[in-house]
């Protein structure tokens, strides 16, 4: 790349503006579809993504600096879709009656229905510079966890302890979800796994807050 005086410049990592346009959206959608199909990022490459999006793989670099940058963009999109779905569920009758339980059930359903996307968000060791949008989406999800717990406890805890409780509760929940979506779970899957995880997580909120 050259500046206005014809001198060659180097783009700083992560400095590219968020990609716009139909092609950029198609590339992110194609990446998400392949991640869903593969159950994670493993085995997903630029040629596969380009083929699914019906564009030359060399054109991908016009929209994303690398495969990892595309994965970060896919993560941001997955979190956006999940946040919209979560908000819709919380706005239902069940969501208004038992918001924390509904919130937890929505997270659990997302993991079971989209294990590849759950791995992308919470497990995959992505390298490179995270996009600003991905960081914002992750922070928004973290804050949503804390807010749902705070409302469930009716403001009984100060902010520092509330954040601590959120970390403890999410750690347990995430561990259970990882076992649930893994092919090598420590215990056989059963029809009551969903209810068991929800009940244990709600109990843990109360125990950690006491």
N, C-alpha and C. Protein backbone atom coordinates (compact mmCIF):
# COMPACT_ATOMS: atom_id res chain seq x y z
N UNK A 1 0.85 -1.19 0.00
CA UNK A 1 0.00 0.00 0.00
C UNK A 1 0.89 1.24 0.00
N UNK A 2 0.49 2.30 -0.74
CA UNK A 2 1.28 3.51 -0.82
C UNK A 2 0.45 4.70 -0.35
N UNK A 3 1.17 5.70 0.23
CA UNK A 3 0.47 6.89 0.69
C UNK A 3 0.36 7.90 -0.44
N UNK A 4 -0.14 9.09 -0.11
CA UNK A 4 -0.37 10.10 -1.14
C UNK A 4 0.91 10.56 -1.81
N UNK A 5 2.08 10.33 -1.19
CA UNK A 5 3.36 10.74 -1.76
C UNK A 5 4.06 9.58 -2.47
N UNK A 6 3.36 8.47 -2.58
CA UNK A 6 3.94 7.33 -3.29
C UNK A 6 4.83 6.46 -2.44
N UNK A 7 4.91 6.72 -1.12
CA UNK A 7 5.75 5.91 -0.24
C UNK A 7 4.97 4.69 0.23
N UNK A 8 5.68 3.56 0.30
CA UNK A 8 5.04 2.32 0.73
C UNK A 8 4.78 2.38 2.23
N UNK A 9 3.60 1.97 2.62
CA UNK A 9 3.22 1.95 4.04
C UNK A 9 2.82 0.54 4.44
N UNK A 10 2.83 0.27 5.72
CA UNK A 10 2.44 -1.03 6.24
C UNK A 10 1.22 -0.87 7.12
N UNK A 11 0.21 -1.69 6.88
CA UNK A 11 -1.01 -1.61 7.67
C UNK A 11 -0.77 -2.24 9.04
N UNK A 12 -1.15 -1.54 10.08
CA UNK A 12 -1.01 -2.07 11.43
C UNK A 12 -2.00 -3.21 11.64
N UNK A 13 -1.60 -4.27 12.38
CA UNK A 13 -2.53 -5.36 12.65
C UNK A 13 -3.79 -4.85 13.33
N UNK A 14 -4.94 -5.29 12.80
CA UNK A 14 -6.20 -4.90 13.42
C UNK A 14 -6.67 -3.51 13.05
N UNK A 15 -5.92 -2.80 12.14
CA UNK A 15 -6.29 -1.42 11.83
C UNK A 15 -7.32 -1.33 10.72
N UNK A 16 -7.56 -2.45 10.02
CA UNK A 16 -8.52 -2.41 8.93
C UNK A 16 -9.92 -2.14 9.47
N UNK A 17 -10.68 -1.29 8.78
CA UNK A 17 -12.04 -0.99 9.21
C UNK A 17 -12.91 -2.22 9.03
N UNK A 18 -13.98 -2.34 9.81
CA UNK A 18 -14.87 -3.49 9.66
C UNK A 18 -15.34 -3.61 8.22
N UNK A 19 -15.22 -4.80 7.61
CA UNK A 19 -15.59 -4.97 6.21
C UNK A 19 -17.07 -4.74 5.99
N UNK A 20 -17.39 -4.14 4.86
CA UNK A 20 -18.77 -3.86 4.53
C UNK A 20 -19.08 -4.44 3.15
N UNK A 21 -20.36 -4.52 2.83
CA UNK A 21 -20.76 -4.96 1.51
C UNK A 21 -21.21 -6.41 1.50
N UNK A 22 -21.85 -6.77 0.40
CA UNK A 22 -22.44 -8.10 0.27
C UNK A 22 -21.41 -9.21 0.32
N UNK A 23 -20.28 -9.02 -0.35
CA UNK A 23 -19.26 -10.07 -0.38
C UNK A 23 -18.71 -10.36 1.01
N UNK A 24 -18.44 -9.31 1.78
CA UNK A 24 -17.93 -9.50 3.13
C UNK A 24 -18.93 -10.29 3.98
N UNK A 25 -20.21 -9.99 3.83
CA UNK A 25 -21.25 -10.70 4.58
C UNK A 25 -21.31 -12.16 4.15
N UNK A 26 -21.19 -12.40 2.83
CA UNK A 26 -21.22 -13.77 2.32
C UNK A 26 -20.05 -14.58 2.87
N UNK A 27 -18.88 -13.97 3.00
CA UNK A 27 -17.71 -14.67 3.51
C UNK A 27 -17.89 -15.05 4.97
N UNK A 28 -18.42 -14.14 5.75
CA UNK A 28 -18.67 -14.43 7.17
C UNK A 28 -19.73 -15.51 7.31
N UNK A 29 -20.80 -15.42 6.53
CA UNK A 29 -21.85 -16.42 6.58
C UNK A 29 -21.32 -17.79 6.17
N UNK A 30 -20.47 -17.81 5.13
CA UNK A 30 -19.89 -19.08 4.67
C UNK A 30 -19.00 -19.69 5.75
N UNK A 31 -18.23 -18.84 6.42
CA UNK A 31 -17.36 -19.32 7.50
C UNK A 31 -18.21 -19.92 8.63
N UNK A 32 -19.29 -19.24 9.00
CA UNK A 32 -20.17 -19.74 10.06
C UNK A 32 -20.80 -21.08 9.68
N UNK A 33 -21.22 -21.21 8.43
CA UNK A 33 -21.83 -22.47 7.98
C UNK A 33 -20.84 -23.62 8.05
N UNK A 34 -19.59 -23.36 7.66
CA UNK A 34 -18.56 -24.41 7.70
C UNK A 34 -18.18 -24.75 9.13
N UNK A 35 -18.12 -23.75 9.99
CA UNK A 35 -17.81 -23.99 11.40
C UNK A 35 -18.91 -24.83 12.04
N UNK A 36 -20.16 -24.53 11.69
CA UNK A 36 -21.27 -25.32 12.19
C UNK A 36 -21.17 -26.76 11.69
N UNK A 37 -20.87 -26.92 10.42
CA UNK A 37 -20.80 -28.26 9.82
C UNK A 37 -19.67 -29.09 10.42
N UNK A 38 -18.52 -28.44 10.67
CA UNK A 38 -17.35 -29.14 11.19
C UNK A 38 -17.37 -29.27 12.71
N UNK A 39 -18.28 -28.57 13.37
CA UNK A 39 -18.31 -28.60 14.83
C UNK A 39 -17.23 -27.74 15.46
N UNK A 40 -16.68 -26.79 14.71
CA UNK A 40 -15.62 -25.91 15.19
C UNK A 40 -14.78 -25.42 14.02
N UNK A 41 -13.70 -24.73 14.33
CA UNK A 41 -12.86 -24.14 13.28
C UNK A 41 -11.91 -25.15 12.63
N UNK A 42 -11.69 -26.24 13.29
CA UNK A 42 -10.73 -27.23 12.78
C UNK A 42 -11.14 -27.72 11.39
N UNK A 43 -10.21 -27.64 10.46
CA UNK A 43 -10.46 -28.09 9.10
C UNK A 43 -11.07 -27.06 8.18
N UNK A 44 -11.46 -25.91 8.71
CA UNK A 44 -12.03 -24.85 7.88
C UNK A 44 -10.91 -23.99 7.33
N UNK A 45 -10.85 -23.82 6.01
CA UNK A 45 -9.79 -23.02 5.41
C UNK A 45 -10.35 -22.00 4.43
N UNK A 46 -9.46 -21.13 3.94
CA UNK A 46 -9.89 -20.04 3.08
C UNK A 46 -10.50 -20.53 1.77
N UNK A 47 -9.94 -21.57 1.19
CA UNK A 47 -10.46 -22.08 -0.08
C UNK A 47 -11.89 -22.60 0.07
N UNK A 48 -12.16 -23.29 1.18
CA UNK A 48 -13.51 -23.79 1.43
C UNK A 48 -14.49 -22.64 1.60
N UNK A 49 -14.06 -21.64 2.35
CA UNK A 49 -14.93 -20.48 2.60
C UNK A 49 -15.22 -19.75 1.29
N UNK A 50 -14.18 -19.53 0.49
CA UNK A 50 -14.34 -18.84 -0.79
C UNK A 50 -15.25 -19.62 -1.73
N UNK A 51 -15.08 -20.93 -1.76
CA UNK A 51 -15.92 -21.77 -2.62
C UNK A 51 -17.37 -21.68 -2.21
N UNK A 52 -17.62 -21.72 -0.91
CA UNK A 52 -19.00 -21.65 -0.43
C UNK A 52 -19.61 -20.28 -0.69
N UNK A 53 -18.78 -19.24 -0.62
CA UNK A 53 -19.26 -17.87 -0.87
C UNK A 53 -19.24 -17.52 -2.35
N UNK A 54 -18.73 -18.46 -3.17
CA UNK A 54 -18.68 -18.28 -4.63
C UNK A 54 -17.83 -17.08 -5.03
N UNK A 55 -16.61 -17.04 -4.48
CA UNK A 55 -15.66 -16.00 -4.90
C UNK A 55 -14.25 -16.60 -4.88
N UNK A 56 -13.32 -15.94 -5.55
CA UNK A 56 -11.94 -16.42 -5.59
C UNK A 56 -11.31 -16.27 -4.21
N UNK A 57 -10.55 -17.30 -3.78
CA UNK A 57 -10.00 -17.24 -2.42
C UNK A 57 -9.01 -16.09 -2.25
N UNK A 58 -8.39 -15.65 -3.37
CA UNK A 58 -7.46 -14.52 -3.28
C UNK A 58 -8.19 -13.21 -2.96
N UNK A 59 -9.49 -13.17 -3.25
CA UNK A 59 -10.27 -11.95 -2.97
C UNK A 59 -10.58 -11.78 -1.49
N UNK A 60 -10.42 -12.86 -0.72
CA UNK A 60 -10.73 -12.75 0.70
C UNK A 60 -9.90 -11.70 1.39
N UNK A 61 -8.67 -11.52 0.90
CA UNK A 61 -7.77 -10.56 1.55
C UNK A 61 -8.17 -9.11 1.27
N UNK A 62 -9.15 -8.91 0.39
CA UNK A 62 -9.68 -7.57 0.20
C UNK A 62 -10.64 -7.19 1.33
N UNK A 63 -11.06 -8.20 2.10
CA UNK A 63 -12.05 -7.97 3.15
C UNK A 63 -11.55 -8.33 4.55
N UNK A 64 -10.61 -9.29 4.63
CA UNK A 64 -10.08 -9.74 5.92
C UNK A 64 -8.57 -9.96 5.77
N UNK A 65 -7.82 -9.59 6.79
CA UNK A 65 -6.37 -9.69 6.74
C UNK A 65 -5.86 -11.13 6.75
N UNK A 66 -6.65 -12.05 7.29
CA UNK A 66 -6.21 -13.43 7.43
C UNK A 66 -7.41 -14.31 7.74
N UNK A 67 -7.18 -15.62 7.76
CA UNK A 67 -8.23 -16.55 8.14
C UNK A 67 -8.66 -16.30 9.59
N UNK A 68 -7.70 -16.02 10.47
CA UNK A 68 -8.03 -15.75 11.87
C UNK A 68 -8.90 -14.50 11.99
N UNK A 69 -8.61 -13.49 11.19
CA UNK A 69 -9.43 -12.27 11.23
C UNK A 69 -10.86 -12.57 10.80
N UNK A 70 -11.01 -13.47 9.83
CA UNK A 70 -12.34 -13.87 9.39
C UNK A 70 -13.06 -14.64 10.50
N UNK A 71 -12.32 -15.48 11.22
CA UNK A 71 -12.91 -16.20 12.35
C UNK A 71 -13.40 -15.22 13.42
N UNK A 72 -12.61 -14.16 13.70
CA UNK A 72 -13.04 -13.17 14.68
C UNK A 72 -14.33 -12.47 14.22
N UNK A 73 -14.41 -12.19 12.92
CA UNK A 73 -15.62 -11.57 12.38
C UNK A 73 -16.81 -12.52 12.49
N UNK A 74 -16.55 -13.81 12.26
CA UNK A 74 -17.61 -14.82 12.38
C UNK A 74 -18.08 -14.93 13.83
N UNK A 75 -17.14 -14.84 14.76
CA UNK A 75 -17.51 -14.86 16.17
C UNK A 75 -18.42 -13.69 16.52
N UNK A 76 -18.07 -12.51 16.05
CA UNK A 76 -18.89 -11.33 16.32
C UNK A 76 -20.30 -11.51 15.77
N UNK A 77 -20.40 -12.08 14.56
CA UNK A 77 -21.72 -12.31 13.97
C UNK A 77 -22.51 -13.34 14.75
N UNK A 78 -21.84 -14.42 15.17
CA UNK A 78 -22.52 -15.45 15.95
C UNK A 78 -23.04 -14.89 17.27
N UNK A 79 -22.23 -14.07 17.93
CA UNK A 79 -22.65 -13.45 19.19
C UNK A 79 -23.81 -12.49 18.97
N UNK A 80 -23.79 -11.78 17.86
CA UNK A 80 -24.87 -10.85 17.55
C UNK A 80 -26.19 -11.60 17.40
N UNK A 81 -26.16 -12.69 16.63
CA UNK A 81 -27.38 -13.48 16.41
C UNK A 81 -27.86 -14.08 17.73
N UNK A 82 -26.91 -14.56 18.51
CA UNK A 82 -27.27 -15.18 19.79
C UNK A 82 -27.86 -14.15 20.75
N UNK A 83 -27.31 -12.94 20.75
CA UNK A 83 -27.83 -11.87 21.63
C UNK A 83 -29.25 -11.50 21.24
N UNK A 84 -29.53 -11.44 19.96
CA UNK A 84 -30.88 -11.12 19.49
C UNK A 84 -31.86 -12.20 19.93
N UNK A 85 -31.46 -13.47 19.76
CA UNK A 85 -32.32 -14.58 20.17
C UNK A 85 -32.54 -14.58 21.68
N UNK A 86 -31.49 -14.30 22.43
CA UNK A 86 -31.61 -14.25 23.90
C UNK A 86 -32.59 -13.16 24.31
N UNK A 87 -32.47 -11.98 23.71
CA UNK A 87 -33.37 -10.87 24.03
C UNK A 87 -34.82 -11.23 23.73
N UNK A 88 -35.04 -11.93 22.62
CA UNK A 88 -36.39 -12.34 22.26
C UNK A 88 -36.97 -13.31 23.30
N UNK A 89 -36.14 -14.24 23.76
CA UNK A 89 -36.60 -15.22 24.75
C UNK A 89 -36.90 -14.54 26.10
N UNK A 90 -36.08 -13.57 26.47
CA UNK A 90 -36.30 -12.87 27.73
C UNK A 90 -37.55 -12.00 27.69
N UNK A 91 -38.02 -11.69 26.49
CA UNK A 91 -39.21 -10.85 26.33
C UNK A 91 -40.49 -11.67 26.31
N UNK A 92 -40.38 -13.00 26.41
CA UNK A 92 -41.56 -13.86 26.43
C UNK A 92 -42.16 -13.89 27.84
N UNK A 93 -43.32 -14.54 27.95
CA UNK A 93 -43.95 -14.67 29.26
C UNK A 93 -43.06 -15.41 30.24
N UNK A 94 -42.45 -16.52 29.78
CA UNK A 94 -41.56 -17.29 30.65
C UNK A 94 -40.34 -16.47 31.03
N UNK A 95 -39.85 -15.68 30.08
CA UNK A 95 -38.67 -14.86 30.33
C UNK A 95 -38.92 -13.79 31.38
N UNK A 96 -40.11 -13.23 31.37
CA UNK A 96 -40.45 -12.19 32.34
C UNK A 96 -40.74 -12.79 33.72
N UNK A 97 -41.24 -14.03 33.72
CA UNK A 97 -41.55 -14.69 34.99
C UNK A 97 -40.31 -15.23 35.68
N UNK A 98 -39.43 -15.85 34.90
CA UNK A 98 -38.19 -16.43 35.45
C UNK A 98 -37.02 -16.05 34.54
N UNK A 99 -36.58 -14.79 34.59
CA UNK A 99 -35.58 -14.31 33.64
C UNK A 99 -34.25 -15.05 33.70
N UNK A 100 -33.71 -15.33 34.89
CA UNK A 100 -32.42 -16.00 34.96
C UNK A 100 -32.51 -17.42 34.42
N UNK A 101 -33.55 -18.14 34.79
CA UNK A 101 -33.73 -19.50 34.29
C UNK A 101 -33.88 -19.49 32.76
N UNK A 102 -34.66 -18.55 32.25
CA UNK A 102 -34.83 -18.45 30.80
C UNK A 102 -33.52 -18.11 30.11
N UNK A 103 -32.77 -17.21 30.71
CA UNK A 103 -31.47 -16.83 30.15
C UNK A 103 -30.54 -18.04 30.09
N UNK A 104 -30.46 -18.79 31.20
CA UNK A 104 -29.59 -19.97 31.23
C UNK A 104 -30.05 -21.02 30.23
N UNK A 105 -31.35 -21.22 30.13
CA UNK A 105 -31.88 -22.20 29.18
C UNK A 105 -31.54 -21.81 27.75
N UNK A 106 -31.58 -20.52 27.47
CA UNK A 106 -31.24 -20.04 26.12
C UNK A 106 -29.78 -20.30 25.81
N UNK A 107 -28.88 -20.07 26.78
CA UNK A 107 -27.46 -20.34 26.57
C UNK A 107 -27.23 -21.83 26.33
N UNK A 108 -27.93 -22.65 27.10
CA UNK A 108 -27.78 -24.10 26.98
C UNK A 108 -28.32 -24.60 25.64
N UNK A 109 -29.46 -24.07 25.23
CA UNK A 109 -30.03 -24.46 23.94
C UNK A 109 -29.10 -24.07 22.79
N UNK A 110 -28.50 -22.89 22.90
CA UNK A 110 -27.57 -22.43 21.86
C UNK A 110 -26.40 -23.41 21.73
N UNK A 111 -25.85 -23.84 22.87
CA UNK A 111 -24.71 -24.75 22.85
C UNK A 111 -25.08 -26.11 22.25
N UNK A 112 -26.26 -26.60 22.60
CA UNK A 112 -26.67 -27.91 22.10
C UNK A 112 -27.06 -27.88 20.63
N UNK A 113 -27.69 -26.80 20.20
CA UNK A 113 -28.13 -26.68 18.82
C UNK A 113 -27.02 -26.23 17.88
N UNK A 114 -26.03 -25.49 18.43
CA UNK A 114 -24.93 -24.98 17.61
C UNK A 114 -23.59 -25.22 18.31
N UNK A 115 -23.20 -26.48 18.51
CA UNK A 115 -21.96 -26.76 19.24
C UNK A 115 -20.71 -26.16 18.59
N UNK A 116 -20.71 -26.08 17.26
CA UNK A 116 -19.57 -25.49 16.57
C UNK A 116 -19.43 -24.02 16.89
N UNK A 117 -20.54 -23.32 16.96
CA UNK A 117 -20.50 -21.89 17.26
C UNK A 117 -20.16 -21.66 18.72
N UNK A 118 -20.64 -22.53 19.60
CA UNK A 118 -20.29 -22.40 21.01
C UNK A 118 -18.77 -22.57 21.18
N UNK A 119 -18.20 -23.54 20.47
CA UNK A 119 -16.74 -23.73 20.53
C UNK A 119 -16.02 -22.50 19.98
N UNK A 120 -16.54 -21.93 18.90
CA UNK A 120 -15.93 -20.74 18.31
C UNK A 120 -15.88 -19.60 19.33
N UNK A 121 -16.96 -19.41 20.07
CA UNK A 121 -17.05 -18.28 21.01
C UNK A 121 -16.25 -18.52 22.28
N UNK A 122 -16.33 -19.73 22.85
CA UNK A 122 -15.81 -19.95 24.19
C UNK A 122 -14.59 -20.87 24.28
N UNK A 123 -14.28 -21.61 23.22
CA UNK A 123 -13.24 -22.64 23.35
C UNK A 123 -12.08 -22.47 22.36
N UNK A 124 -12.38 -22.14 21.12
CA UNK A 124 -11.34 -22.09 20.09
C UNK A 124 -10.21 -21.12 20.46
N UNK A 125 -8.96 -21.55 20.39
CA UNK A 125 -7.82 -20.67 20.73
C UNK A 125 -7.43 -19.78 19.55
N UNK A 126 -8.27 -18.81 19.23
CA UNK A 126 -7.99 -17.95 18.09
C UNK A 126 -6.78 -17.05 18.36
N UNK A 127 -5.96 -16.89 17.35
CA UNK A 127 -4.81 -16.01 17.48
C UNK A 127 -5.09 -14.72 16.70
N UNK A 128 -4.08 -13.86 16.61
CA UNK A 128 -4.26 -12.62 15.88
C UNK A 128 -4.95 -11.56 16.72
N UNK A 129 -5.25 -10.46 16.08
CA UNK A 129 -5.87 -9.32 16.75
C UNK A 129 -7.39 -9.43 16.72
N UNK A 130 -8.04 -9.52 17.87
CA UNK A 130 -9.51 -9.57 17.87
C UNK A 130 -10.08 -8.29 17.28
N UNK A 131 -11.16 -8.42 16.54
CA UNK A 131 -11.82 -7.23 16.03
C UNK A 131 -12.50 -6.48 17.17
N UNK A 132 -12.65 -5.19 17.01
CA UNK A 132 -13.31 -4.39 18.02
C UNK A 132 -14.75 -4.86 18.23
N UNK A 133 -15.38 -5.26 17.13
CA UNK A 133 -16.76 -5.73 17.23
C UNK A 133 -16.85 -7.02 18.05
N UNK A 134 -15.90 -7.93 17.84
CA UNK A 134 -15.90 -9.19 18.61
C UNK A 134 -15.70 -8.90 20.09
N UNK A 135 -14.79 -8.01 20.42
CA UNK A 135 -14.54 -7.66 21.82
C UNK A 135 -15.77 -7.02 22.45
N UNK A 136 -16.45 -6.17 21.70
CA UNK A 136 -17.66 -5.53 22.22
C UNK A 136 -18.76 -6.54 22.47
N UNK A 137 -18.90 -7.50 21.55
CA UNK A 137 -19.94 -8.52 21.70
C UNK A 137 -19.64 -9.43 22.90
N UNK A 138 -18.38 -9.80 23.07
CA UNK A 138 -18.00 -10.63 24.21
C UNK A 138 -18.24 -9.91 25.53
N UNK A 139 -17.90 -8.62 25.56
CA UNK A 139 -18.10 -7.84 26.78
C UNK A 139 -19.59 -7.68 27.08
N UNK A 140 -20.38 -7.50 26.01
CA UNK A 140 -21.82 -7.37 26.20
C UNK A 140 -22.41 -8.65 26.78
N UNK A 141 -21.91 -9.81 26.32
CA UNK A 141 -22.41 -11.07 26.86
C UNK A 141 -22.00 -11.25 28.32
N UNK A 142 -20.78 -10.83 28.64
CA UNK A 142 -20.31 -10.91 30.03
C UNK A 142 -21.18 -10.04 30.93
N UNK A 143 -21.47 -8.83 30.49
CA UNK A 143 -22.31 -7.92 31.27
C UNK A 143 -23.73 -8.45 31.42
N UNK A 144 -24.21 -9.13 30.38
CA UNK A 144 -25.55 -9.69 30.44
C UNK A 144 -25.64 -10.79 31.50
N UNK A 145 -24.59 -11.61 31.59
CA UNK A 145 -24.54 -12.63 32.64
C UNK A 145 -24.64 -11.97 34.03
N UNK A 146 -23.83 -10.96 34.23
CA UNK A 146 -23.81 -10.29 35.54
C UNK A 146 -25.14 -9.62 35.83
N UNK A 147 -25.74 -8.98 34.83
CA UNK A 147 -27.00 -8.28 35.03
C UNK A 147 -28.13 -9.25 35.37
N UNK A 148 -28.16 -10.40 34.68
CA UNK A 148 -29.21 -11.38 34.96
C UNK A 148 -29.09 -11.93 36.38
N UNK A 149 -27.86 -12.17 36.83
CA UNK A 149 -27.64 -12.65 38.19
C UNK A 149 -28.01 -11.57 39.20
N UNK A 150 -27.65 -10.33 38.91
CA UNK A 150 -27.98 -9.21 39.81
C UNK A 150 -29.48 -9.07 39.99
N UNK A 151 -30.22 -9.16 38.89
CA UNK A 151 -31.68 -9.03 38.97
C UNK A 151 -32.28 -10.20 39.73
N UNK A 152 -31.72 -11.39 39.54
CA UNK A 152 -32.22 -12.57 40.25
C UNK A 152 -32.02 -12.42 41.76
N UNK A 153 -30.91 -11.80 42.14
CA UNK A 153 -30.60 -11.63 43.57
C UNK A 153 -31.19 -10.34 44.14
N UNK A 154 -31.92 -9.60 43.32
CA UNK A 154 -32.61 -8.38 43.76
C UNK A 154 -31.65 -7.38 44.43
N UNK A 155 -30.49 -7.21 43.83
CA UNK A 155 -29.55 -6.21 44.32
C UNK A 155 -28.93 -6.50 45.67
N UNK A 156 -28.87 -7.78 46.06
CA UNK A 156 -28.35 -8.13 47.38
C UNK A 156 -26.84 -8.00 47.48
N UNK A 157 -26.13 -7.97 46.36
CA UNK A 157 -24.68 -7.98 46.40
C UNK A 157 -24.08 -6.70 45.85
N UNK A 158 -22.94 -6.25 46.39
CA UNK A 158 -22.22 -5.12 45.80
C UNK A 158 -21.58 -5.56 44.49
N UNK A 159 -21.22 -4.59 43.67
CA UNK A 159 -20.70 -4.87 42.33
C UNK A 159 -19.50 -5.81 42.32
N UNK A 160 -18.47 -5.60 43.15
CA UNK A 160 -17.30 -6.49 43.09
C UNK A 160 -17.65 -7.97 43.34
N UNK A 161 -18.49 -8.22 44.36
CA UNK A 161 -18.86 -9.60 44.64
C UNK A 161 -19.78 -10.16 43.56
N UNK A 162 -20.59 -9.31 42.98
CA UNK A 162 -21.49 -9.72 41.91
C UNK A 162 -20.69 -10.23 40.71
N UNK A 163 -19.63 -9.51 40.37
CA UNK A 163 -18.76 -9.94 39.26
C UNK A 163 -18.11 -11.27 39.59
N UNK A 164 -17.67 -11.42 40.84
CA UNK A 164 -17.05 -12.67 41.28
C UNK A 164 -18.04 -13.83 41.18
N UNK A 165 -19.26 -13.61 41.64
CA UNK A 165 -20.29 -14.65 41.54
C UNK A 165 -20.53 -15.01 40.08
N UNK A 166 -20.58 -14.00 39.22
CA UNK A 166 -20.78 -14.25 37.80
C UNK A 166 -19.69 -15.13 37.21
N UNK A 167 -18.44 -14.89 37.62
CA UNK A 167 -17.32 -15.70 37.13
C UNK A 167 -17.44 -17.14 37.60
N UNK A 168 -17.78 -17.33 38.87
CA UNK A 168 -17.92 -18.68 39.43
C UNK A 168 -19.05 -19.44 38.73
N UNK A 169 -20.18 -18.78 38.58
CA UNK A 169 -21.35 -19.42 37.98
C UNK A 169 -21.09 -19.75 36.51
N UNK A 170 -20.51 -18.81 35.79
CA UNK A 170 -20.23 -19.08 34.38
C UNK A 170 -19.20 -20.19 34.23
N UNK A 171 -18.23 -20.25 35.13
CA UNK A 171 -17.23 -21.31 35.07
C UNK A 171 -17.86 -22.68 35.21
N UNK A 172 -18.77 -22.83 36.18
CA UNK A 172 -19.46 -24.12 36.34
C UNK A 172 -20.31 -24.43 35.12
N UNK A 173 -21.10 -23.46 34.69
CA UNK A 173 -22.01 -23.65 33.56
C UNK A 173 -21.23 -24.04 32.30
N UNK A 174 -20.14 -23.32 32.04
CA UNK A 174 -19.32 -23.58 30.86
C UNK A 174 -18.73 -25.00 30.92
N UNK A 175 -18.28 -25.42 32.09
CA UNK A 175 -17.73 -26.77 32.23
C UNK A 175 -18.77 -27.83 31.93
N UNK A 176 -19.98 -27.64 32.43
CA UNK A 176 -21.06 -28.60 32.15
C UNK A 176 -21.41 -28.63 30.66
N UNK A 177 -21.44 -27.46 30.04
CA UNK A 177 -21.76 -27.39 28.62
C UNK A 177 -20.68 -28.09 27.79
N UNK A 178 -19.42 -27.89 28.16
CA UNK A 178 -18.32 -28.54 27.43
C UNK A 178 -18.45 -30.06 27.49
N UNK A 179 -18.79 -30.58 28.66
CA UNK A 179 -19.00 -32.03 28.78
C UNK A 179 -20.20 -32.48 27.96
N UNK A 180 -21.22 -31.65 27.94
CA UNK A 180 -22.46 -32.00 27.24
C UNK A 180 -22.26 -32.09 25.73
N UNK A 181 -21.48 -31.16 25.16
CA UNK A 181 -21.32 -31.15 23.70
C UNK A 181 -20.12 -31.95 23.23
N UNK A 182 -19.35 -32.46 24.19
CA UNK A 182 -18.18 -33.25 23.82
C UNK A 182 -18.59 -34.68 23.49
N UNK A 183 -17.90 -35.28 22.55
CA UNK A 183 -18.15 -36.68 22.21
C UNK A 183 -17.58 -37.59 23.28
N UNK A 184 -16.74 -37.05 24.16
CA UNK A 184 -16.11 -37.85 25.20
C UNK A 184 -16.49 -37.30 26.58
N UNK A 185 -17.77 -37.15 26.80
CA UNK A 185 -18.24 -36.61 28.08
C UNK A 185 -17.89 -37.57 29.21
N UNK A 186 -17.74 -37.02 30.41
CA UNK A 186 -17.40 -37.83 31.56
C UNK A 186 -18.58 -38.69 32.03
N UNK A 187 -19.75 -38.34 31.61
CA UNK A 187 -20.91 -39.14 31.99
C UNK A 187 -21.83 -39.25 30.79
N UNK A 188 -22.60 -40.35 30.70
CA UNK A 188 -23.51 -40.53 29.55
C UNK A 188 -24.53 -39.40 29.48
N UNK A 189 -24.88 -39.02 28.26
CA UNK A 189 -25.91 -38.01 28.10
C UNK A 189 -27.26 -38.61 28.44
N UNK A 190 -28.12 -37.83 29.03
CA UNK A 190 -29.46 -38.29 29.36
C UNK A 190 -30.44 -37.16 29.14
N UNK A 191 -31.70 -37.52 29.13
CA UNK A 191 -32.74 -36.53 28.84
C UNK A 191 -32.86 -35.47 29.92
N UNK A 192 -32.36 -35.76 31.13
CA UNK A 192 -32.50 -34.79 32.22
C UNK A 192 -31.26 -33.92 32.40
N UNK A 193 -30.28 -34.02 31.48
CA UNK A 193 -29.08 -33.19 31.58
C UNK A 193 -29.43 -31.71 31.60
N UNK A 194 -30.34 -31.32 30.72
CA UNK A 194 -30.74 -29.92 30.59
C UNK A 194 -31.27 -29.39 31.92
N UNK A 195 -32.21 -30.11 32.50
CA UNK A 195 -32.81 -29.67 33.76
C UNK A 195 -31.80 -29.72 34.90
N UNK A 196 -30.94 -30.74 34.91
CA UNK A 196 -29.94 -30.86 35.97
C UNK A 196 -28.99 -29.66 35.96
N UNK A 197 -28.52 -29.27 34.79
CA UNK A 197 -27.58 -28.15 34.69
C UNK A 197 -28.25 -26.85 35.11
N UNK A 198 -29.50 -26.65 34.68
CA UNK A 198 -30.22 -25.43 35.06
C UNK A 198 -30.41 -25.37 36.57
N UNK A 199 -30.87 -26.48 37.15
CA UNK A 199 -31.13 -26.49 38.59
C UNK A 199 -29.85 -26.27 39.39
N UNK A 200 -28.76 -26.93 38.99
CA UNK A 200 -27.49 -26.79 39.70
C UNK A 200 -26.94 -25.37 39.58
N UNK A 201 -27.10 -24.76 38.42
CA UNK A 201 -26.59 -23.40 38.23
C UNK A 201 -27.37 -22.41 39.09
N UNK A 202 -28.67 -22.58 39.16
CA UNK A 202 -29.47 -21.69 40.01
C UNK A 202 -29.12 -21.88 41.48
N UNK A 203 -28.86 -23.12 41.88
CA UNK A 203 -28.45 -23.36 43.27
C UNK A 203 -27.10 -22.71 43.55
N UNK A 204 -26.21 -22.80 42.59
CA UNK A 204 -24.87 -22.24 42.77
C UNK A 204 -24.94 -20.72 42.92
N UNK A 205 -25.83 -20.07 42.18
CA UNK A 205 -25.99 -18.62 42.33
C UNK A 205 -26.33 -18.28 43.78
N UNK A 206 -27.26 -19.01 44.35
CA UNK A 206 -27.66 -18.74 45.73
C UNK A 206 -26.54 -19.05 46.71
N UNK A 207 -25.82 -20.16 46.49
CA UNK A 207 -24.74 -20.53 47.39
C UNK A 207 -23.60 -19.51 47.34
N UNK A 208 -23.23 -19.11 46.13
CA UNK A 208 -22.12 -18.16 45.98
C UNK A 208 -22.48 -16.79 46.54
N UNK A 209 -23.77 -16.48 46.51
CA UNK A 209 -24.20 -15.17 46.99
C UNK A 209 -24.40 -15.12 48.50
N UNK A 210 -24.40 -16.29 49.14
CA UNK A 210 -24.69 -16.32 50.58
C UNK A 210 -23.46 -15.92 51.40
